[in-house]
Amino acid sequence: MAKKHDESKILEKYGPMLKKFGSEVGEAAKRGEESLVTMSKLLKIQFDMLGVSLQKEKLYYEIGKEVAEKMIKGTLKIEDLAKYKKPLAEIQAAREKKKKAMSKVKSAGKKKPKKAKKKS
């Protein structure tokens, strides 16, 4: 019987502290989860931007190859390169869209987490 009495005294003494500790651990875990989600979104956008950059480099390679061939033949005309204007503009627009998405995710991740309400 003495053991049960001692346990209840310990629980009375340390119970509120343990509840507070439990809620703080829960809040920390939630913040960690939120930052992990934000990081994964940012990584996905960065990989998408890398893909767009690779498309751009491939297009630059094609332009350079065509320019070099026509220069050697002496038939280079700027008008011939007009067909690359639209794809370049599309790639640039895609890149800007990804940049905006990244800044949006970053700014959403900077929001301060809500504090838990204290229980009386």
PDB file of N, CA and C in Angstrom:
ATOM      1  N   MET A   1       0.821  -1.190   0.000  1.00  0.00           N
ATOM      2  CA  MET A   1       0.000   0.000   0.000  1.00  0.00           C
ATOM      3  C   MET A   1       0.872   1.263   0.000  1.00  0.00           C
ATOM      4  N   ALA A   2       1.999   1.189   0.639  1.00  0.00           N
ATOM      5  CA  ALA A   2       2.887   2.343   0.723  1.00  0.00           C
ATOM      6  C   ALA A   2       3.421   2.709  -0.664  1.00  0.00           C
ATOM      7  N   LYS A   3       3.649   1.680  -1.479  1.00  0.00           N
ATOM      8  CA  LYS A   3       4.143   1.943  -2.825  1.00  0.00           C
ATOM      9  C   LYS A   3       3.130   2.731  -3.636  1.00  0.00           C
ATOM     10  N   LYS A   4       1.875   2.359  -3.535  1.00  0.00           N
ATOM     11  CA  LYS A   4       0.831   3.045  -4.280  1.00  0.00           C
ATOM     12  C   LYS A   4       0.721   4.498  -3.832  1.00  0.00           C
ATOM     13  N   HIS A   5       0.843   4.721  -2.570  1.00  0.00           N
ATOM     14  CA  HIS A   5       0.770   6.070  -2.013  1.00  0.00           C
ATOM     15  C   HIS A   5       1.948   6.904  -2.520  1.00  0.00           C
ATOM     16  N   ASP A   6       3.150   6.287  -2.568  1.00  0.00           N
ATOM     17  CA  ASP A   6       4.338   6.983  -3.052  1.00  0.00           C
ATOM     18  C   ASP A   6       4.187   7.328  -4.538  1.00  0.00           C
ATOM     19  N   GLU A   7       3.634   6.411  -5.315  1.00  0.00           N
ATOM     20  CA  GLU A   7       3.439   6.653  -6.745  1.00  0.00           C
ATOM     21  C   GLU A   7       2.462   7.793  -6.983  1.00  0.00           C
ATOM     22  N   SER A   8       1.417   7.852  -6.191  1.00  0.00           N
ATOM     23  CA  SER A   8       0.452   8.938  -6.368  1.00  0.00           C
ATOM     24  C   SER A   8       1.064  10.278  -5.980  1.00  0.00           C
ATOM     25  N   LYS A   9       1.925  10.296  -4.987  1.00  0.00           N
ATOM     26  CA  LYS A   9       2.608  11.538  -4.604  1.00  0.00           C
ATOM     27  C   LYS A   9       3.536  11.994  -5.736  1.00  0.00           C
ATOM     28  N   ILE A  10       4.247  11.029  -6.301  1.00  0.00           N
ATOM     29  CA  ILE A  10       5.152  11.345  -7.407  1.00  0.00           C
ATOM     30  C   ILE A  10       4.358  11.870  -8.590  1.00  0.00           C
ATOM     31  N   LEU A  11       3.241  11.220  -8.894  1.00  0.00           N
ATOM     32  CA  LEU A  11       2.399  11.636 -10.009  1.00  0.00           C
ATOM     33  C   LEU A  11       1.829  13.026  -9.766  1.00  0.00           C
ATOM     34  N   GLU A  12       1.412  13.304  -8.531  1.00  0.00           N
ATOM     35  CA  GLU A  12       0.901  14.648  -8.198  1.00  0.00           C
ATOM     36  C   GLU A  12       1.983  15.699  -8.390  1.00  0.00           C
ATOM     37  N   LYS A  13       3.182  15.357  -7.955  1.00  0.00           N
ATOM     38  CA  LYS A  13       4.279  16.316  -7.987  1.00  0.00           C
ATOM     39  C   LYS A  13       4.778  16.568  -9.417  1.00  0.00           C
ATOM     40  N   TYR A  14       4.958  15.504 -10.174  1.00  0.00           N
ATOM     41  CA  TYR A  14       5.582  15.641 -11.490  1.00  0.00           C
ATOM     42  C   TYR A  14       4.606  15.539 -12.659  1.00  0.00           C
ATOM     43  N   GLY A  15       3.353  15.244 -12.399  1.00  0.00           N
ATOM     44  CA  GLY A  15       2.359  15.092 -13.457  1.00  0.00           C
ATOM     45  C   GLY A  15       2.228  16.304 -14.359  1.00  0.00           C
ATOM     46  N   PRO A  16       2.010  17.502 -13.788  1.00  0.00           N
ATOM     47  CA  PRO A  16       1.886  18.695 -14.643  1.00  0.00           C
ATOM     48  C   PRO A  16       3.142  18.964 -15.484  1.00  0.00           C
ATOM     49  N   MET A  17       4.295  18.692 -14.883  1.00  0.00           N
ATOM     50  CA  MET A  17       5.541  18.903 -15.613  1.00  0.00           C
ATOM     51  C   MET A  17       5.637  17.918 -16.787  1.00  0.00           C
ATOM     52  N   LEU A  18       5.219  16.677 -16.558  1.00  0.00           N
ATOM     53  CA  LEU A  18       5.251  15.679 -17.622  1.00  0.00           C
ATOM     54  C   LEU A  18       4.266  16.023 -18.740  1.00  0.00           C
ATOM     55  N   LYS A  19       3.096  16.540 -18.389  1.00  0.00           N
ATOM     56  CA  LYS A  19       2.123  16.948 -19.403  1.00  0.00           C
ATOM     57  C   LYS A  19       2.684  18.082 -20.255  1.00  0.00           C
ATOM     58  N   LYS A  20       3.310  19.041 -19.577  1.00  0.00           N
ATOM     59  CA  LYS A  20       3.900  20.166 -20.297  1.00  0.00           C
ATOM     60  C   LYS A  20       5.009  19.681 -21.217  1.00  0.00           C
ATOM     61  N   PHE A  21       5.844  18.796 -20.726  1.00  0.00           N
ATOM     62  CA  PHE A  21       6.924  18.236 -21.537  1.00  0.00           C
ATOM     63  C   PHE A  21       6.366  17.502 -22.747  1.00  0.00           C
ATOM     64  N   GLY A  22       5.312  16.737 -22.546  1.00  0.00           N
ATOM     65  CA  GLY A  22       4.684  16.003 -23.640  1.00  0.00           C
ATOM     66  C   GLY A  22       4.139  16.929 -24.711  1.00  0.00           C
ATOM     67  N   SER A  23       3.499  18.013 -24.287  1.00  0.00           N
ATOM     68  CA  SER A  23       2.952  18.956 -25.275  1.00  0.00           C
ATOM     69  C   SER A  23       4.071  19.675 -26.024  1.00  0.00           C
ATOM     70  N   GLU A  24       5.156  20.006 -25.340  1.00  0.00           N
ATOM     71  CA  GLU A  24       6.283  20.660 -25.996  1.00  0.00           C
ATOM     72  C   GLU A  24       6.948  19.728 -27.012  1.00  0.00           C
ATOM     73  N   VAL A  25       7.057  18.461 -26.660  1.00  0.00           N
ATOM     74  CA  VAL A  25       7.634  17.485 -27.596  1.00  0.00           C
ATOM     75  C   VAL A  25       6.730  17.354 -28.819  1.00  0.00           C
ATOM     76  N   GLY A  26       5.425  17.347 -28.592  1.00  0.00           N
ATOM     77  CA  GLY A  26       4.478  17.273 -29.710  1.00  0.00           C
ATOM     78  C   GLY A  26       4.598  18.465 -30.636  1.00  0.00           C
ATOM     79  N   GLU A  27       4.731  19.656 -30.071  1.00  0.00           N
ATOM     80  CA  GLU A  27       4.888  20.870 -30.876  1.00  0.00           C
ATOM     81  C   GLU A  27       6.185  20.828 -31.681  1.00  0.00           C
ATOM     82  N   ALA A  28       7.259  20.380 -31.051  1.00  0.00           N
ATOM     83  CA  ALA A  28       8.551  20.304 -31.744  1.00  0.00           C
ATOM     84  C   ALA A  28       8.471  19.311 -32.901  1.00  0.00           C
ATOM     85  N   ALA A  29       7.805  18.196 -32.686  1.00  0.00           N
ATOM     86  CA  ALA A  29       7.653  17.201 -33.750  1.00  0.00           C
ATOM     87  C   ALA A  29       6.846  17.774 -34.908  1.00  0.00           C
ATOM     88  N   LYS A  30       5.809  18.542 -34.587  1.00  0.00           N
ATOM     89  CA  LYS A  30       4.983  19.138 -35.640  1.00  0.00           C
ATOM     90  C   LYS A  30       5.793  20.153 -36.450  1.00  0.00           C
ATOM     91  N   ARG A  31       6.588  20.979 -35.762  1.00  0.00           N
ATOM     92  CA  ARG A  31       7.430  21.953 -36.479  1.00  0.00           C
ATOM     93  C   ARG A  31       8.436  21.232 -37.362  1.00  0.00           C
ATOM     94  N   GLY A  32       8.999  20.137 -36.863  1.00  0.00           N
ATOM     95  CA  GLY A  32       9.944  19.359 -37.651  1.00  0.00           C
ATOM     96  C   GLY A  32       9.287  18.778 -38.893  1.00  0.00           C
ATOM     97  N   GLU A  33       8.069  18.308 -38.735  1.00  0.00           N
ATOM     98  CA  GLU A  33       7.331  17.748 -39.869  1.00  0.00           C
ATOM     99  C   GLU A  33       7.050  18.829 -40.907  1.00  0.00           C
ATOM    100  N   GLU A  34       6.653  20.008 -40.445  1.00  0.00           N
ATOM    101  CA  GLU A  34       6.362  21.113 -41.366  1.00  0.00           C
ATOM    102  C   GLU A  34       7.613  21.530 -42.133  1.00  0.00           C
ATOM    103  N   SER A  35       8.752  21.585 -41.448  1.00  0.00           N
ATOM    104  CA  SER A  35       9.978  21.991 -42.142  1.00  0.00           C
ATOM    105  C   SER A  35      10.425  20.904 -43.121  1.00  0.00           C
ATOM    106  N   LEU A  36      10.165  19.650 -42.811  1.00  0.00           N
ATOM    107  CA  LEU A  36      10.500  18.567 -43.726  1.00  0.00           C
ATOM    108  C   LEU A  36       9.651  18.650 -44.994  1.00  0.00           C
ATOM    109  N   VAL A  37       8.380  18.957 -44.841  1.00  0.00           N
ATOM    110  CA  VAL A  37       7.489  19.112 -45.993  1.00  0.00           C
ATOM    111  C   VAL A  37       7.954  20.281 -46.857  1.00  0.00           C
ATOM    112  N   THR A  38       8.307  21.393 -46.217  1.00  0.00           N
ATOM    113  CA  THR A  38       8.792  22.567 -46.949  1.00  0.00           C
ATOM    114  C   THR A  38      10.065  22.227 -47.722  1.00  0.00           C
ATOM    115  N   MET A  39      10.986  21.520 -47.076  1.00  0.00           N
ATOM    116  CA  MET A  39      12.242  21.158 -47.741  1.00  0.00           C
ATOM    117  C   MET A  39      11.987  20.253 -48.935  1.00  0.00           C
ATOM    118  N   SER A  40      11.064  19.314 -48.806  1.00  0.00           N
ATOM    119  CA  SER A  40      10.809  18.413 -49.929  1.00  0.00           C
ATOM    120  C   SER A  40      10.179  19.171 -51.101  1.00  0.00           C
ATOM    121  N   LYS A  41       9.314  20.142 -50.806  1.00  0.00           N
ATOM    122  CA  LYS A  41       8.724  20.954 -51.871  1.00  0.00           C
ATOM    123  C   LYS A  41       9.805  21.772 -52.581  1.00  0.00           C
ATOM    124  N   LEU A  42      10.707  22.349 -51.799  1.00  0.00           N
ATOM    125  CA  LEU A  42      11.792  23.147 -52.387  1.00  0.00           C
ATOM    126  C   LEU A  42      12.703  22.283 -53.253  1.00  0.00           C
ATOM    127  N   LEU A  43      13.009  21.084 -52.791  1.00  0.00           N
ATOM    128  CA  LEU A  43      13.859  20.196 -53.592  1.00  0.00           C
ATOM    129  C   LEU A  43      13.191  19.807 -54.909  1.00  0.00           C
ATOM    130  N   LYS A  44      11.895  19.554 -54.870  1.00  0.00           N
ATOM    131  CA  LYS A  44      11.176  19.208 -56.097  1.00  0.00           C
ATOM    132  C   LYS A  44      11.244  20.365 -57.091  1.00  0.00           C
ATOM    133  N   ILE A  45      11.024  21.577 -56.607  1.00  0.00           N
ATOM    134  CA  ILE A  45      11.079  22.747 -57.484  1.00  0.00           C
ATOM    135  C   ILE A  45      12.493  22.929 -58.039  1.00  0.00           C
ATOM    136  N   GLN A  46      13.502  22.702 -57.197  1.00  0.00           N
ATOM    137  CA  GLN A  46      14.878  22.844 -57.676  1.00  0.00           C
ATOM    138  C   GLN A  46      15.200  21.820 -58.758  1.00  0.00           C
ATOM    139  N   PHE A  47      14.698  20.594 -58.602  1.00  0.00           N
ATOM    140  CA  PHE A  47      14.906  19.591 -59.650  1.00  0.00           C
ATOM    141  C   PHE A  47      14.175  19.980 -60.924  1.00  0.00           C
ATOM    142  N   ASP A  48      12.982  20.537 -60.786  1.00  0.00           N
ATOM    143  CA  ASP A  48      12.249  21.012 -61.957  1.00  0.00           C
ATOM    144  C   ASP A  48      13.025  22.130 -62.665  1.00  0.00           C
ATOM    145  N   MET A  49      13.594  23.036 -61.877  1.00  0.00           N
ATOM    146  CA  MET A  49      14.385  24.127 -62.458  1.00  0.00           C
ATOM    147  C   MET A  49      15.627  23.579 -63.160  1.00  0.00           C
ATOM    148  N   LEU A  50      16.200  22.540 -62.610  1.00  0.00           N
ATOM    149  CA  LEU A  50      17.357  21.910 -63.243  1.00  0.00           C
ATOM    150  C   LEU A  50      16.953  21.334 -64.600  1.00  0.00           C
ATOM    151  N   GLY A  51      15.776  20.722 -64.668  1.00  0.00           N
ATOM    152  CA  GLY A  51      15.279  20.199 -65.943  1.00  0.00           C
ATOM    153  C   GLY A  51      15.083  21.298 -66.967  1.00  0.00           C
ATOM    154  N   VAL A  52      14.536  22.426 -66.520  1.00  0.00           N
ATOM    155  CA  VAL A  52      14.336  23.564 -67.416  1.00  0.00           C
ATOM    156  C   VAL A  52      15.688  24.095 -67.899  1.00  0.00           C
ATOM    157  N   SER A  53      16.658  24.157 -67.003  1.00  0.00           N
ATOM    158  CA  SER A  53      17.993  24.626 -67.388  1.00  0.00           C
ATOM    159  C   SER A  53      18.635  23.691 -68.414  1.00  0.00           C
ATOM    160  N   LEU A  54      18.410  22.396 -68.249  1.00  0.00           N
ATOM    161  CA  LEU A  54      18.943  21.444 -69.220  1.00  0.00           C
ATOM    162  C   LEU A  54      18.285  21.613 -70.588  1.00  0.00           C
ATOM    163  N   GLN A  55      16.985  21.892 -70.594  1.00  0.00           N
ATOM    164  CA  GLN A  55      16.296  22.165 -71.868  1.00  0.00           C
ATOM    165  C   GLN A  55      16.898  23.390 -72.542  1.00  0.00           C
ATOM    166  N   LYS A  56      17.161  24.402 -71.743  1.00  0.00           N
ATOM    167  CA  LYS A  56      17.731  25.641 -72.263  1.00  0.00           C
ATOM    168  C   LYS A  56      19.118  25.383 -72.860  1.00  0.00           C
ATOM    169  N   GLU A  57      19.934  24.628 -72.154  1.00  0.00           N
ATOM    170  CA  GLU A  57      21.285  24.316 -72.654  1.00  0.00           C
ATOM    171  C   GLU A  57      21.215  23.504 -73.941  1.00  0.00           C
ATOM    172  N   LYS A  58      20.263  22.577 -74.003  1.00  0.00           N
ATOM    173  CA  LYS A  58      20.101  21.779 -75.225  1.00  0.00           C
ATOM    174  C   LYS A  58      19.718  22.677 -76.400  1.00  0.00           C
ATOM    175  N   LEU A  59      18.822  23.629 -76.155  1.00  0.00           N
ATOM    176  CA  LEU A  59      18.404  24.550 -77.209  1.00  0.00           C
ATOM    177  C   LEU A  59      19.573  25.436 -77.639  1.00  0.00           C
ATOM    178  N   TYR A  60      20.362  25.916 -76.667  1.00  0.00           N
ATOM    179  CA  TYR A  60      21.539  26.707 -77.003  1.00  0.00           C
ATOM    180  C   TYR A  60      22.508  25.891 -77.867  1.00  0.00           C
ATOM    181  N   TYR A  61      22.650  24.629 -77.551  1.00  0.00           N
ATOM    182  CA  TYR A  61      23.526  23.762 -78.340  1.00  0.00           C
ATOM    183  C   TYR A  61      23.024  23.673 -79.782  1.00  0.00           C
ATOM    184  N   GLU A  62      21.717  23.476 -79.936  1.00  0.00           N
ATOM    185  CA  GLU A  62      21.142  23.385 -81.283  1.00  0.00           C
ATOM    186  C   GLU A  62      21.336  24.684 -82.058  1.00  0.00           C
ATOM    187  N   ILE A  63      21.133  25.817 -81.382  1.00  0.00           N
ATOM    188  CA  ILE A  63      21.331  27.120 -82.037  1.00  0.00           C
ATOM    189  C   ILE A  63      22.779  27.268 -82.474  1.00  0.00           C
ATOM    190  N   GLY A  64      23.692  26.959 -81.563  1.00  0.00           N
ATOM    191  CA  GLY A  64      25.116  27.078 -81.878  1.00  0.00           C
ATOM    192  C   GLY A  64      25.533  26.177 -83.017  1.00  0.00           C
ATOM    193  N   LYS A  65      24.998  24.986 -83.023  1.00  0.00           N
ATOM    194  CA  LYS A  65      25.322  24.034 -84.096  1.00  0.00           C
ATOM    195  C   LYS A  65      24.846  24.562 -85.451  1.00  0.00           C
ATOM    196  N   GLU A  66      23.615  25.074 -85.485  1.00  0.00           N
ATOM    197  CA  GLU A  66      23.080  25.615 -86.740  1.00  0.00           C
ATOM    198  C   GLU A  66      23.861  26.836 -87.196  1.00  0.00           C
ATOM    199  N   VAL A  67      24.178  27.728 -86.246  1.00  0.00           N
ATOM    200  CA  VAL A  67      24.942  28.934 -86.590  1.00  0.00           C
ATOM    201  C   VAL A  67      26.307  28.545 -87.154  1.00  0.00           C
ATOM    202  N   ALA A  68      26.972  27.607 -86.504  1.00  0.00           N
ATOM    203  CA  ALA A  68      28.302  27.195 -86.970  1.00  0.00           C
ATOM    204  C   ALA A  68      28.233  26.603 -88.378  1.00  0.00           C
ATOM    205  N   GLU A  69      27.256  25.748 -88.639  1.00  0.00           N
ATOM    206  CA  GLU A  69      27.124  25.147 -89.965  1.00  0.00           C
ATOM    207  C   GLU A  69      26.888  26.205 -91.046  1.00  0.00           C
ATOM    208  N   LYS A  70      26.005  27.152 -90.731  1.00  0.00           N
ATOM    209  CA  LYS A  70      25.678  28.183 -91.729  1.00  0.00           C
ATOM    210  C   LYS A  70      26.822  29.171 -91.909  1.00  0.00           C
ATOM    211  N   MET A  71      27.589  29.429 -90.850  1.00  0.00           N
ATOM    212  CA  MET A  71      28.739  30.325 -90.978  1.00  0.00           C
ATOM    213  C   MET A  71      29.777  29.712 -91.906  1.00  0.00           C
ATOM    214  N   ILE A  72      29.991  28.431 -91.739  1.00  0.00           N
ATOM    215  CA  ILE A  72      30.980  27.749 -92.586  1.00  0.00           C
ATOM    216  C   ILE A  72      30.549  27.800 -94.052  1.00  0.00           C
ATOM    217  N   LYS A  73      29.256  27.604 -94.284  1.00  0.00           N
ATOM    218  CA  LYS A  73      28.739  27.629 -95.650  1.00  0.00           C
ATOM    219  C   LYS A  73      28.591  29.056 -96.170  1.00  0.00           C
ATOM    220  N   GLY A  74      28.602  30.035 -95.278  1.00  0.00           N
ATOM    221  CA  GLY A  74      28.420  31.426 -95.678  1.00  0.00           C
ATOM    222  C   GLY A  74      26.970  31.784 -95.939  1.00  0.00           C
ATOM    223  N   THR A  75      26.050  31.044 -95.333  1.00  0.00           N
ATOM    224  CA  THR A  75      24.618  31.291 -95.578  1.00  0.00           C
ATOM    225  C   THR A  75      23.886  31.735 -94.313  1.00  0.00           C
ATOM    226  N   LEU A  76      24.602  32.248 -93.344  1.00  0.00           N
ATOM    227  CA  LEU A  76      23.992  32.634 -92.073  1.00  0.00           C
ATOM    228  C   LEU A  76      23.140  33.888 -92.222  1.00  0.00           C
ATOM    229  N   LYS A  77      21.884  33.768 -91.842  1.00  0.00           N
ATOM    230  CA  LYS A  77      20.969  34.906 -91.814  1.00  0.00           C
ATOM    231  C   LYS A  77      20.260  34.879 -90.463  1.00  0.00           C
ATOM    232  N   ILE A  78      20.183  36.030 -89.864  1.00  0.00           N
ATOM    233  CA  ILE A  78      19.546  36.131 -88.551  1.00  0.00           C
ATOM    234  C   ILE A  78      18.093  35.659 -88.598  1.00  0.00           C
ATOM    235  N   GLU A  79      17.434  35.891 -89.679  1.00  0.00           N
ATOM    236  CA  GLU A  79      16.034  35.493 -89.824  1.00  0.00           C
ATOM    237  C   GLU A  79      15.861  33.980 -89.654  1.00  0.00           C
ATOM    238  N   ASP A  80      16.888  33.222 -90.024  1.00  0.00           N
ATOM    239  CA  ASP A  80      16.826  31.765 -89.894  1.00  0.00           C
ATOM    240  C   ASP A  80      16.731  31.318 -88.432  1.00  0.00           C
ATOM    241  N   LEU A  81      17.189  32.169 -87.533  1.00  0.00           N
ATOM    242  CA  LEU A  81      17.198  31.816 -86.111  1.00  0.00           C
ATOM    243  C   LEU A  81      15.907  32.210 -85.391  1.00  0.00           C
ATOM    244  N   ALA A  82      14.997  32.829 -86.114  1.00  0.00           N
ATOM    245  CA  ALA A  82      13.732  33.278 -85.503  1.00  0.00           C
ATOM    246  C   ALA A  82      12.917  32.116 -84.955  1.00  0.00           C
ATOM    247  N   LYS A  83      13.101  30.930 -85.489  1.00  0.00           N
ATOM    248  CA  LYS A  83      12.342  29.764 -85.027  1.00  0.00           C
ATOM    249  C   LYS A  83      12.687  29.384 -83.581  1.00  0.00           C
ATOM    250  N   TYR A  84      13.806  29.876 -83.082  1.00  0.00           N
ATOM    251  CA  TYR A  84      14.218  29.569 -81.712  1.00  0.00           C
ATOM    252  C   TYR A  84      13.656  30.556 -80.687  1.00  0.00           C
ATOM    253  N   LYS A  85      13.077  31.635 -81.161  1.00  0.00           N
ATOM    254  CA  LYS A  85      12.590  32.673 -80.246  1.00  0.00           C
ATOM    255  C   LYS A  85      11.468  32.154 -79.348  1.00  0.00           C
ATOM    256  N   LYS A  86      10.497  31.469 -79.934  1.00  0.00           N
ATOM    257  CA  LYS A  86       9.361  30.973 -79.152  1.00  0.00           C
ATOM    258  C   LYS A  86       9.794  29.933 -78.110  1.00  0.00           C
ATOM    259  N   PRO A  87      10.593  28.913 -78.488  1.00  0.00           N
ATOM    260  CA  PRO A  87      11.022  27.950 -77.468  1.00  0.00           C
ATOM    261  C   PRO A  87      11.842  28.585 -76.345  1.00  0.00           C
ATOM    262  N   LEU A  88      12.682  29.561 -76.692  1.00  0.00           N
ATOM    263  CA  LEU A  88      13.464  30.250 -75.663  1.00  0.00           C
ATOM    264  C   LEU A  88      12.558  31.024 -74.709  1.00  0.00           C
ATOM    265  N   ALA A  89      11.546  31.690 -75.267  1.00  0.00           N
ATOM    266  CA  ALA A  89      10.604  32.439 -74.429  1.00  0.00           C
ATOM    267  C   ALA A  89       9.827  31.496 -73.520  1.00  0.00           C
ATOM    268  N   GLU A  90       9.440  30.331 -74.030  1.00  0.00           N
ATOM    269  CA  GLU A  90       8.712  29.359 -73.218  1.00  0.00           C
ATOM    270  C   GLU A  90       9.572  28.824 -72.073  1.00  0.00           C
ATOM    271  N   ILE A  91      10.828  28.554 -72.379  1.00  0.00           N
ATOM    272  CA  ILE A  91      11.745  28.071 -71.341  1.00  0.00           C
ATOM    273  C   ILE A  91      11.948  29.138 -70.276  1.00  0.00           C
ATOM    274  N   GLN A  92      12.110  30.372 -70.705  1.00  0.00           N
ATOM    275  CA  GLN A  92      12.300  31.467 -69.750  1.00  0.00           C
ATOM    276  C   GLN A  92      11.052  31.642 -68.874  1.00  0.00           C
ATOM    277  N   ALA A  93       9.873  31.532 -69.475  1.00  0.00           N
ATOM    278  CA  ALA A  93       8.625  31.653 -68.712  1.00  0.00           C
ATOM    279  C   ALA A  93       8.499  30.520 -67.703  1.00  0.00           C
ATOM    280  N   ALA A  94       8.881  29.309 -68.103  1.00  0.00           N
ATOM    281  CA  ALA A  94       8.827  28.169 -67.191  1.00  0.00           C
ATOM    282  C   ALA A  94       9.775  28.376 -66.019  1.00  0.00           C
ATOM    283  N   ARG A  95      10.946  28.919 -66.307  1.00  0.00           N
ATOM    284  CA  ARG A  95      11.932  29.177 -65.246  1.00  0.00           C
ATOM    285  C   ARG A  95      11.416  30.226 -64.261  1.00  0.00           C
ATOM    286  N   GLU A  96      10.827  31.288 -64.779  1.00  0.00           N
ATOM    287  CA  GLU A  96      10.273  32.328 -63.905  1.00  0.00           C
ATOM    288  C   GLU A  96       9.134  31.768 -63.044  1.00  0.00           C
ATOM    289  N   LYS A  97       8.326  30.912 -63.636  1.00  0.00           N
ATOM    290  CA  LYS A  97       7.222  30.294 -62.893  1.00  0.00           C
ATOM    291  C   LYS A  97       7.765  29.453 -61.731  1.00  0.00           C
ATOM    292  N   LYS A  98       8.832  28.710 -61.980  1.00  0.00           N
ATOM    293  CA  LYS A  98       9.450  27.892 -60.936  1.00  0.00           C
ATOM    294  C   LYS A  98      10.065  28.764 -59.849  1.00  0.00           C
ATOM    295  N   LYS A  99      10.686  29.889 -60.249  1.00  0.00           N
ATOM    296  CA  LYS A  99      11.265  30.811 -59.259  1.00  0.00           C
ATOM    297  C   LYS A  99      10.181  31.364 -58.342  1.00  0.00           C
ATOM    298  N   LYS A 100       9.035  31.745 -58.931  1.00  0.00           N
ATOM    299  CA  LYS A 100       7.931  32.264 -58.126  1.00  0.00           C
ATOM    300  C   LYS A 100       7.394  31.199 -57.187  1.00  0.00           C
ATOM    301  N   ALA A 101       7.285  29.975 -57.684  1.00  0.00           N
ATOM    302  CA  ALA A 101       6.807  28.877 -56.843  1.00  0.00           C
ATOM    303  C   ALA A 101       7.765  28.641 -55.682  1.00  0.00           C
ATOM    304  N   MET A 102       9.060  28.747 -55.952  1.00  0.00           N
ATOM    305  CA  MET A 102      10.049  28.543 -54.899  1.00  0.00           C
ATOM    306  C   MET A 102       9.959  29.638 -53.837  1.00  0.00           C
ATOM    307  N   SER A 103       9.825  30.880 -54.271  1.00  0.00           N
ATOM    308  CA  SER A 103       9.735  31.963 -53.295  1.00  0.00           C
ATOM    309  C   SER A 103       8.434  31.860 -52.491  1.00  0.00           C
ATOM    310  N   LYS A 104       7.390  31.368 -53.130  1.00  0.00           N
ATOM    311  CA  LYS A 104       6.117  31.177 -52.427  1.00  0.00           C
ATOM    312  C   LYS A 104       6.253  30.104 -51.345  1.00  0.00           C
ATOM    313  N   VAL A 105       6.924  29.005 -51.673  1.00  0.00           N
ATOM    314  CA  VAL A 105       7.129  27.934 -50.697  1.00  0.00           C
ATOM    315  C   VAL A 105       8.031  28.416 -49.567  1.00  0.00           C
ATOM    316  N   LYS A 106       9.076  29.170 -49.924  1.00  0.00           N
ATOM    317  CA  LYS A 106       9.986  29.691 -48.901  1.00  0.00           C
ATOM    318  C   LYS A 106       9.265  30.637 -47.949  1.00  0.00           C
ATOM    319  N   SER A 107       8.439  31.516 -48.491  1.00  0.00           N
ATOM    320  CA  SER A 107       7.742  32.472 -47.626  1.00  0.00           C
ATOM    321  C   SER A 107       6.697  31.768 -46.779  1.00  0.00           C
ATOM    322  N   ALA A 108       6.083  30.718 -47.285  1.00  0.00           N
ATOM    323  CA  ALA A 108       5.109  29.960 -46.490  1.00  0.00           C
ATOM    324  C   ALA A 108       5.814  29.221 -45.362  1.00  0.00           C
ATOM    325  N   GLY A 109       7.040  28.792 -45.588  1.00  0.00           N
ATOM    326  CA  GLY A 109       7.800  28.088 -44.561  1.00  0.00           C
ATOM    327  C   GLY A 109       8.303  28.989 -43.462  1.00  0.00           C
ATOM    328  N   LYS A 110       8.325  30.301 -43.692  1.00  0.00           N
ATOM    329  CA  LYS A 110       8.812  31.239 -42.692  1.00  0.00           C
ATOM    330  C   LYS A 110       7.745  31.660 -41.695  1.00  0.00           C
ATOM    331  N   LYS A 111       6.513  31.241 -41.916  1.00  0.00           N
ATOM    332  CA  LYS A 111       5.457  31.599 -40.979  1.00  0.00           C
ATOM    333  C   LYS A 111       5.773  31.006 -39.626  1.00  0.00           C
ATOM    334  N   LYS A 112       5.511  31.782 -38.581  1.00  0.00           N
ATOM    335  CA  LYS A 112       5.776  31.306 -37.234  1.00  0.00           C
ATOM    336  C   LYS A 112       4.739  30.265 -36.848  1.00  0.00           C
ATOM    337  N   PRO A 113       5.188  29.177 -36.231  1.00  0.00           N
ATOM    338  CA  PRO A 113       4.236  28.158 -35.808  1.00  0.00           C
ATOM    339  C   PRO A 113       3.343  28.680 -34.683  1.00  0.00           C
ATOM    340  N   LYS A 114       2.147  28.189 -34.656  1.00  0.00           N
ATOM    341  CA  LYS A 114       1.215  28.612 -33.624  1.00  0.00           C
ATOM    342  C   LYS A 114       1.598  27.968 -32.311  1.00  0.00           C
ATOM    343  N   LYS A 115       1.469  28.717 -31.247  1.00  0.00           N
ATOM    344  CA  LYS A 115       1.758  28.184 -29.923  1.00  0.00           C
ATOM    345  C   LYS A 115       0.530  27.483 -29.393  1.00  0.00           C
ATOM    346  N   ALA A 116       0.771  26.433 -28.672  1.00  0.00           N
ATOM    347  CA  ALA A 116      -0.337  25.680 -28.101  1.00  0.00           C
ATOM    348  C   ALA A 116      -0.943  26.467 -26.947  1.00  0.00           C
ATOM    349  N   LYS A 117      -2.234  26.307 -26.801  1.00  0.00           N
ATOM    350  CA  LYS A 117      -2.922  26.983 -25.714  1.00  0.00           C
ATOM    351  C   LYS A 117      -2.615  26.268 -24.410  1.00  0.00           C
ATOM    352  N   LYS A 118      -2.400  27.053 -23.361  1.00  0.00           N
ATOM    353  CA  LYS A 118      -2.136  26.476 -22.063  1.00  0.00           C
ATOM    354  C   LYS A 118      -3.445  25.998 -21.441  1.00  0.00           C
ATOM    355  N   LYS A 119      -3.351  24.822 -20.885  1.00  0.00           N
ATOM    356  CA  LYS A 119      -4.535  24.281 -20.197  1.00  0.00           C
ATOM    357  C   LYS A 119      -4.465  24.650 -18.733  1.00  0.00           C
ATOM    358  N   SER A 120      -5.583  25.067 -18.208  1.00  0.00           N
ATOM    359  CA  SER A 120      -5.609  25.463 -16.789  1.00  0.00           C
ATOM    360  C   SER A 120      -5.905  24.296 -15.894  1.00  0.00           C
TER     361      SER A 120
END
